[in-house]
Amino acid sequence: MDAQTLARCKAGDPQAIESLVLEHKDRLFRFCLSILDDPADAEDATQESFIAALKALKNYRQESSFQTWLFSIALNTCRGQLRQRTRRARLAAASQPLHRQQAESSNPERAAIAHEHSHAMWQAISRLDEKHRLPVILRYYHELSTQEIAEVLGINLGTVHSRLSIARQHLGAELRQANRPKRAAR
């Protein structure tokens, strides 16, 4: 986001605001979807996040990237929606757009194996608690740096590294357990 467009957005220029939304809406929607596990809820959270960001734009000091700042707002919006839910969000449905790209392989057997592996991974990720699940999603599915993750989550860089390490250990153990051959009953 360049300074001129940002200044125009702060001034309320509708074209600049439209440009800002168009530039960030797809990534922000995917981010919300990966947390909320529901396309309709993710769409609502995306819109609410943009509204909140535009209202708070005068407070944006450019200490972090605009995307990091926007993801922080979206994370708070999503957390608010999760608190309002009576059921815990599952991430399996959020993985469907990711699976489609893998499933387009020319080799159906390879695509089936990749789909099965990806599904098992999302199942394992969904069983992590939020403090370990969010850094994994931000790092490996949204490709944020550990510094950006620290800024989005409002935690220390060392905490990000620790949470990612613990999450990888849990995921590795769970996936190894899931891939073990099952013994035949006697």
C-alpha atoms as a PDB file:
ATOM      1  CA  MET A   1       0.000   0.000   0.000  1.00  0.00           C
ATOM      2  CA  ASP A   2       1.680   3.200  -1.133  1.00  0.00           C
ATOM      3  CA  ALA A   3       1.590   6.354   1.003  1.00  0.00           C
ATOM      4  CA  GLN A   4      -0.429   8.334  -1.537  1.00  0.00           C
ATOM      5  CA  THR A   5      -3.223   5.744  -1.748  1.00  0.00           C
ATOM      6  CA  LEU A   6      -3.205   5.470   2.032  1.00  0.00           C
ATOM      7  CA  ALA A   7      -3.522   9.246   2.404  1.00  0.00           C
ATOM      8  CA  ARG A   8      -6.414   9.277  -0.081  1.00  0.00           C
ATOM      9  CA  CYS A   9      -8.128   6.482   1.895  1.00  0.00           C
ATOM     10  CA  LYS A  10      -7.711   8.460   5.119  1.00  0.00           C
ATOM     11  CA  ALA A  11      -9.338  11.411   3.345  1.00  0.00           C
ATOM     12  CA  GLY A  12     -12.312   9.212   2.404  1.00  0.00           C
ATOM     13  CA  ASP A  13     -11.636   8.981  -1.345  1.00  0.00           C
ATOM     14  CA  PRO A  14     -14.049   6.258  -2.574  1.00  0.00           C
ATOM     15  CA  GLN A  15     -11.777   5.198  -5.449  1.00  0.00           C
ATOM     16  CA  ALA A  16      -8.783   4.794  -3.153  1.00  0.00           C
ATOM     17  CA  ILE A  17     -10.875   2.817  -0.670  1.00  0.00           C
ATOM     18  CA  GLU A  18     -12.128   0.580  -3.463  1.00  0.00           C
ATOM     19  CA  SER A  19      -8.550   0.046  -4.611  1.00  0.00           C
ATOM     20  CA  LEU A  20      -7.489  -0.867  -1.062  1.00  0.00           C
ATOM     21  CA  VAL A  21     -10.334  -3.371  -0.689  1.00  0.00           C
ATOM     22  CA  LEU A  22      -9.704  -4.965  -4.091  1.00  0.00           C
ATOM     23  CA  GLU A  23      -5.999  -5.314  -3.336  1.00  0.00           C
ATOM     24  CA  HIS A  24      -6.508  -7.119  -0.009  1.00  0.00           C
ATOM     25  CA  LYS A  25      -9.941  -8.778  -0.054  1.00  0.00           C
ATOM     26  CA  ASP A  26      -8.963 -12.222  -1.399  1.00  0.00           C
ATOM     27  CA  ARG A  27      -6.108 -12.800   1.067  1.00  0.00           C
ATOM     28  CA  LEU A  28      -8.160 -11.405   3.940  1.00  0.00           C
ATOM     29  CA  PHE A  29     -11.107 -13.649   3.046  1.00  0.00           C
ATOM     30  CA  ARG A  30      -8.832 -16.735   2.924  1.00  0.00           C
ATOM     31  CA  PHE A  31      -7.370 -15.740   6.281  1.00  0.00           C
ATOM     32  CA  CYS A  32     -10.833 -15.392   7.849  1.00  0.00           C
ATOM     33  CA  LEU A  33     -11.992 -18.626   6.238  1.00  0.00           C
ATOM     34  CA  SER A  34      -9.043 -20.531   7.658  1.00  0.00           C
ATOM     35  CA  ILE A  35     -10.036 -19.384  11.138  1.00  0.00           C
ATOM     36  CA  LEU A  36     -13.829 -19.501  10.947  1.00  0.00           C
ATOM     37  CA  ASP A  37     -14.281 -22.576   8.743  1.00  0.00           C
ATOM     38  CA  ASP A  38     -17.427 -21.168   7.184  1.00  0.00           C
ATOM     39  CA  PRO A  39     -17.546 -19.166   3.927  1.00  0.00           C
ATOM     40  CA  ALA A  40     -20.505 -17.021   4.988  1.00  0.00           C
ATOM     41  CA  ASP A  41     -18.922 -16.206   8.352  1.00  0.00           C
ATOM     42  CA  ALA A  42     -15.603 -15.508   6.636  1.00  0.00           C
ATOM     43  CA  GLU A  43     -17.304 -13.116   4.202  1.00  0.00           C
ATOM     44  CA  ASP A  44     -18.938 -11.292   7.138  1.00  0.00           C
ATOM     45  CA  ALA A  45     -15.634 -11.144   9.022  1.00  0.00           C
ATOM     46  CA  THR A  46     -13.862  -9.825   5.922  1.00  0.00           C
ATOM     47  CA  GLN A  47     -16.390  -7.019   5.542  1.00  0.00           C
ATOM     48  CA  GLU A  48     -16.360  -6.226   9.272  1.00  0.00           C
ATOM     49  CA  SER A  49     -12.556  -6.153   9.223  1.00  0.00           C
ATOM     50  CA  PHE A  50     -12.487  -3.671   6.351  1.00  0.00           C
ATOM     51  CA  ILE A  51     -15.055  -1.478   8.089  1.00  0.00           C
ATOM     52  CA  ALA A  52     -13.046  -1.573  11.333  1.00  0.00           C
ATOM     53  CA  ALA A  53      -9.807  -0.892   9.459  1.00  0.00           C
ATOM     54  CA  LEU A  54     -11.268   2.082   7.603  1.00  0.00           C
ATOM     55  CA  LYS A  55     -12.588   3.521  10.875  1.00  0.00           C
ATOM     56  CA  ALA A  56      -9.176   3.027  12.504  1.00  0.00           C
ATOM     57  CA  LEU A  57      -7.114   4.057   9.481  1.00  0.00           C
ATOM     58  CA  LYS A  58      -6.254   7.414  11.031  1.00  0.00           C
ATOM     59  CA  ASN A  59      -4.470   5.458  13.809  1.00  0.00           C
ATOM     60  CA  TYR A  60      -2.371   3.350  11.411  1.00  0.00           C
ATOM     61  CA  ARG A  61       1.220   4.479  11.946  1.00  0.00           C
ATOM     62  CA  GLN A  62       2.925   2.301   9.324  1.00  0.00           C
ATOM     63  CA  GLU A  63       5.094   0.619  11.984  1.00  0.00           C
ATOM     64  CA  SER A  64       4.187  -2.700  10.360  1.00  0.00           C
ATOM     65  CA  SER A  65       3.016  -3.540   6.871  1.00  0.00           C
ATOM     66  CA  PHE A  66      -0.559  -2.631   6.041  1.00  0.00           C
ATOM     67  CA  GLN A  67      -1.359  -6.320   5.484  1.00  0.00           C
ATOM     68  CA  THR A  68      -0.030  -7.250   8.940  1.00  0.00           C
ATOM     69  CA  TRP A  69      -2.092  -4.459  10.510  1.00  0.00           C
ATOM     70  CA  LEU A  70      -5.176  -5.564   8.569  1.00  0.00           C
ATOM     71  CA  PHE A  71      -4.651  -9.235   9.554  1.00  0.00           C
ATOM     72  CA  SER A  72      -4.469  -8.144  13.213  1.00  0.00           C
ATOM     73  CA  ILE A  73      -7.840  -6.451  12.890  1.00  0.00           C
ATOM     74  CA  ALA A  74      -9.265  -9.489  11.097  1.00  0.00           C
ATOM     75  CA  LEU A  75      -7.939 -11.815  13.773  1.00  0.00           C
ATOM     76  CA  ASN A  76      -9.726  -9.807  16.455  1.00  0.00           C
ATOM     77  CA  THR A  77     -12.895  -9.799  14.359  1.00  0.00           C
ATOM     78  CA  CYS A  78     -12.711 -13.581  13.889  1.00  0.00           C
ATOM     79  CA  ARG A  79     -12.053 -14.158  17.569  1.00  0.00           C
ATOM     80  CA  GLY A  80     -15.169 -12.145  18.335  1.00  0.00           C
ATOM     81  CA  GLN A  81     -17.200 -14.317  15.971  1.00  0.00           C
ATOM     82  CA  LEU A  82     -15.755 -17.496  17.487  1.00  0.00           C
ATOM     83  CA  ARG A  83     -16.740 -16.333  20.974  1.00  0.00           C
ATOM     84  CA  GLN A  84     -20.304 -15.852  19.737  1.00  0.00           C
ATOM     85  CA  ARG A  85     -20.528 -19.355  18.286  1.00  0.00           C
ATOM     86  CA  THR A  86     -21.885 -22.212  20.322  1.00  0.00           C
ATOM     87  CA  ARG A  87     -19.797 -24.764  18.436  1.00  0.00           C
ATOM     88  CA  ARG A  88     -16.066 -24.841  17.891  1.00  0.00           C
ATOM     89  CA  ALA A  89     -15.014 -24.085  14.332  1.00  0.00           C
ATOM     90  CA  ARG A  90     -13.444 -27.008  12.434  1.00  0.00           C
ATOM     91  CA  LEU A  91     -10.834 -26.332   9.774  1.00  0.00           C
ATOM     92  CA  ALA A  92     -11.584 -29.270   7.508  1.00  0.00           C
ATOM     93  CA  ALA A  93     -14.011 -27.313   5.290  1.00  0.00           C
ATOM     94  CA  ALA A  94     -11.534 -24.423   5.022  1.00  0.00           C
ATOM     95  CA  SER A  95      -9.070 -26.763   3.363  1.00  0.00           C
ATOM     96  CA  GLN A  96     -11.333 -27.450   0.377  1.00  0.00           C
ATOM     97  CA  PRO A  97     -10.016 -24.567  -1.765  1.00  0.00           C
ATOM     98  CA  LEU A  98      -6.469 -25.733  -1.017  1.00  0.00           C
ATOM     99  CA  HIS A  99      -7.336 -29.320  -1.995  1.00  0.00           C
ATOM    100  CA  ARG A 100      -8.774 -28.297  -5.364  1.00  0.00           C
ATOM    101  CA  GLN A 101      -5.407 -27.032  -6.566  1.00  0.00           C
ATOM    102  CA  GLN A 102      -3.710 -30.282  -5.554  1.00  0.00           C
ATOM    103  CA  ALA A 103      -6.472 -32.452  -7.008  1.00  0.00           C
ATOM    104  CA  GLU A 104      -5.969 -31.010 -10.492  1.00  0.00           C
ATOM    105  CA  SER A 105      -2.963 -33.270 -10.936  1.00  0.00           C
ATOM    106  CA  SER A 106      -2.823 -35.267 -14.171  1.00  0.00           C
ATOM    107  CA  ASN A 107      -2.237 -38.446 -12.146  1.00  0.00           C
ATOM    108  CA  PRO A 108      -5.488 -39.421 -10.335  1.00  0.00           C
ATOM    109  CA  GLU A 109      -3.693 -41.782  -7.931  1.00  0.00           C
ATOM    110  CA  ARG A 110      -1.191 -39.086  -6.944  1.00  0.00           C
ATOM    111  CA  ALA A 111      -4.039 -36.585  -6.554  1.00  0.00           C
ATOM    112  CA  ALA A 112      -5.950 -38.993  -4.292  1.00  0.00           C
ATOM    113  CA  ILE A 113      -2.890 -39.568  -2.119  1.00  0.00           C
ATOM    114  CA  ALA A 114      -2.186 -35.828  -1.912  1.00  0.00           C
ATOM    115  CA  HIS A 115      -5.815 -35.160  -1.004  1.00  0.00           C
ATOM    116  CA  GLU A 116      -5.751 -37.838   1.690  1.00  0.00           C
ATOM    117  CA  HIS A 117      -2.499 -36.494   3.143  1.00  0.00           C
ATOM    118  CA  SER A 118      -3.743 -32.891   3.089  1.00  0.00           C
ATOM    119  CA  HIS A 119      -7.024 -33.912   4.716  1.00  0.00           C
ATOM    120  CA  ALA A 120      -5.135 -35.765   7.472  1.00  0.00           C
ATOM    121  CA  MET A 121      -2.945 -32.706   8.004  1.00  0.00           C
ATOM    122  CA  TRP A 122      -5.966 -30.380   8.329  1.00  0.00           C
ATOM    123  CA  GLN A 123      -7.586 -32.810  10.741  1.00  0.00           C
ATOM    124  CA  ALA A 124      -4.424 -32.770  12.855  1.00  0.00           C
ATOM    125  CA  ILE A 125      -4.187 -28.958  12.671  1.00  0.00           C
ATOM    126  CA  SER A 126      -7.832 -28.602  13.709  1.00  0.00           C
ATOM    127  CA  ARG A 127      -7.090 -30.578  16.893  1.00  0.00           C
ATOM    128  CA  LEU A 128      -4.383 -28.119  17.980  1.00  0.00           C
ATOM    129  CA  ASP A 129      -5.418 -25.490  20.506  1.00  0.00           C
ATOM    130  CA  GLU A 130      -5.820 -21.966  19.124  1.00  0.00           C
ATOM    131  CA  LYS A 131      -2.477 -20.661  20.386  1.00  0.00           C
ATOM    132  CA  HIS A 132      -0.651 -23.338  18.370  1.00  0.00           C
ATOM    133  CA  ARG A 133      -3.081 -23.598  15.424  1.00  0.00           C
ATOM    134  CA  LEU A 134      -3.003 -19.898  14.447  1.00  0.00           C
ATOM    135  CA  PRO A 135       0.795 -19.635  14.024  1.00  0.00           C
ATOM    136  CA  VAL A 136       0.753 -22.789  11.859  1.00  0.00           C
ATOM    137  CA  ILE A 137      -1.994 -21.401   9.629  1.00  0.00           C
ATOM    138  CA  LEU A 138      -0.326 -18.003   9.330  1.00  0.00           C
ATOM    139  CA  ARG A 139       3.105 -19.506   8.585  1.00  0.00           C
ATOM    140  CA  TYR A 140       2.342 -22.392   6.249  1.00  0.00           C
ATOM    141  CA  TYR A 141      -0.910 -21.414   4.555  1.00  0.00           C
ATOM    142  CA  HIS A 142      -0.635 -17.630   4.477  1.00  0.00           C
ATOM    143  CA  GLU A 143       3.169 -17.596   4.205  1.00  0.00           C
ATOM    144  CA  LEU A 144       3.723 -14.865   6.785  1.00  0.00           C
ATOM    145  CA  SER A 145       7.173 -14.480   8.302  1.00  0.00           C
ATOM    146  CA  THR A 146       7.619 -15.234  11.973  1.00  0.00           C
ATOM    147  CA  GLN A 147       8.016 -11.487  12.595  1.00  0.00           C
ATOM    148  CA  GLU A 148       4.683 -10.803  10.864  1.00  0.00           C
ATOM    149  CA  ILE A 149       3.032 -13.592  12.869  1.00  0.00           C
ATOM    150  CA  ALA A 150       4.339 -12.023  16.080  1.00  0.00           C
ATOM    151  CA  GLU A 151       2.847  -8.686  15.040  1.00  0.00           C
ATOM    152  CA  VAL A 152      -0.516 -10.176  14.004  1.00  0.00           C
ATOM    153  CA  LEU A 153      -0.871 -12.192  17.207  1.00  0.00           C
ATOM    154  CA  GLY A 154       0.661  -9.547  19.461  1.00  0.00           C
ATOM    155  CA  ILE A 155       3.259 -11.931  20.919  1.00  0.00           C
ATOM    156  CA  ASN A 156       7.053 -12.080  21.112  1.00  0.00           C
ATOM    157  CA  LEU A 157       9.078 -13.500  18.234  1.00  0.00           C
ATOM    158  CA  GLY A 158      10.478 -16.189  20.537  1.00  0.00           C
ATOM    159  CA  THR A 159       6.941 -17.225  21.454  1.00  0.00           C
ATOM    160  CA  VAL A 160       6.108 -17.658  17.770  1.00  0.00           C
ATOM    161  CA  HIS A 161       9.133 -19.909  17.295  1.00  0.00           C
ATOM    162  CA  SER A 162       8.233 -21.903  20.413  1.00  0.00           C
ATOM    163  CA  ARG A 163       4.596 -22.347  19.405  1.00  0.00           C
ATOM    164  CA  LEU A 164       5.524 -23.398  15.877  1.00  0.00           C
ATOM    165  CA  SER A 165       8.037 -25.909  17.238  1.00  0.00           C
ATOM    166  CA  ILE A 166       5.538 -27.403  19.680  1.00  0.00           C
ATOM    167  CA  ALA A 167       2.858 -27.516  16.973  1.00  0.00           C
ATOM    168  CA  ARG A 168       5.215 -29.291  14.550  1.00  0.00           C
ATOM    169  CA  GLN A 169       6.059 -31.865  17.232  1.00  0.00           C
ATOM    170  CA  HIS A 170       2.372 -32.535  17.920  1.00  0.00           C
ATOM    171  CA  LEU A 171       1.509 -32.693  14.226  1.00  0.00           C
ATOM    172  CA  GLY A 172       4.420 -35.003  13.462  1.00  0.00           C
ATOM    173  CA  ALA A 173       3.484 -37.394  16.254  1.00  0.00           C
ATOM    174  CA  GLU A 174      -0.166 -37.394  15.265  1.00  0.00           C
ATOM    175  CA  LEU A 175       0.547 -37.971  11.569  1.00  0.00           C
ATOM    176  CA  ARG A 176       3.021 -40.768  12.345  1.00  0.00           C
ATOM    177  CA  GLN A 177       0.349 -42.399  14.513  1.00  0.00           C
ATOM    178  CA  ALA A 178      -2.262 -42.026  11.759  1.00  0.00           C
ATOM    179  CA  ASN A 179       0.077 -43.552   9.144  1.00  0.00           C
ATOM    180  CA  ARG A 180       0.957 -46.641  11.159  1.00  0.00           C
ATOM    181  CA  PRO A 181      -0.460 -49.819   9.660  1.00  0.00           C
ATOM    182  CA  LYS A 182      -3.410 -51.114  11.594  1.00  0.00           C
ATOM    183  CA  ARG A 183      -3.033 -54.594  13.046  1.00  0.00           C
ATOM    184  CA  ALA A 184      -5.517 -57.184  11.940  1.00  0.00           C
ATOM    185  CA  ALA A 185      -7.789 -58.471  14.707  1.00  0.00           C
ATOM    186  CA  ARG A 186      -7.234 -62.099  15.634  1.00  0.00           C
END
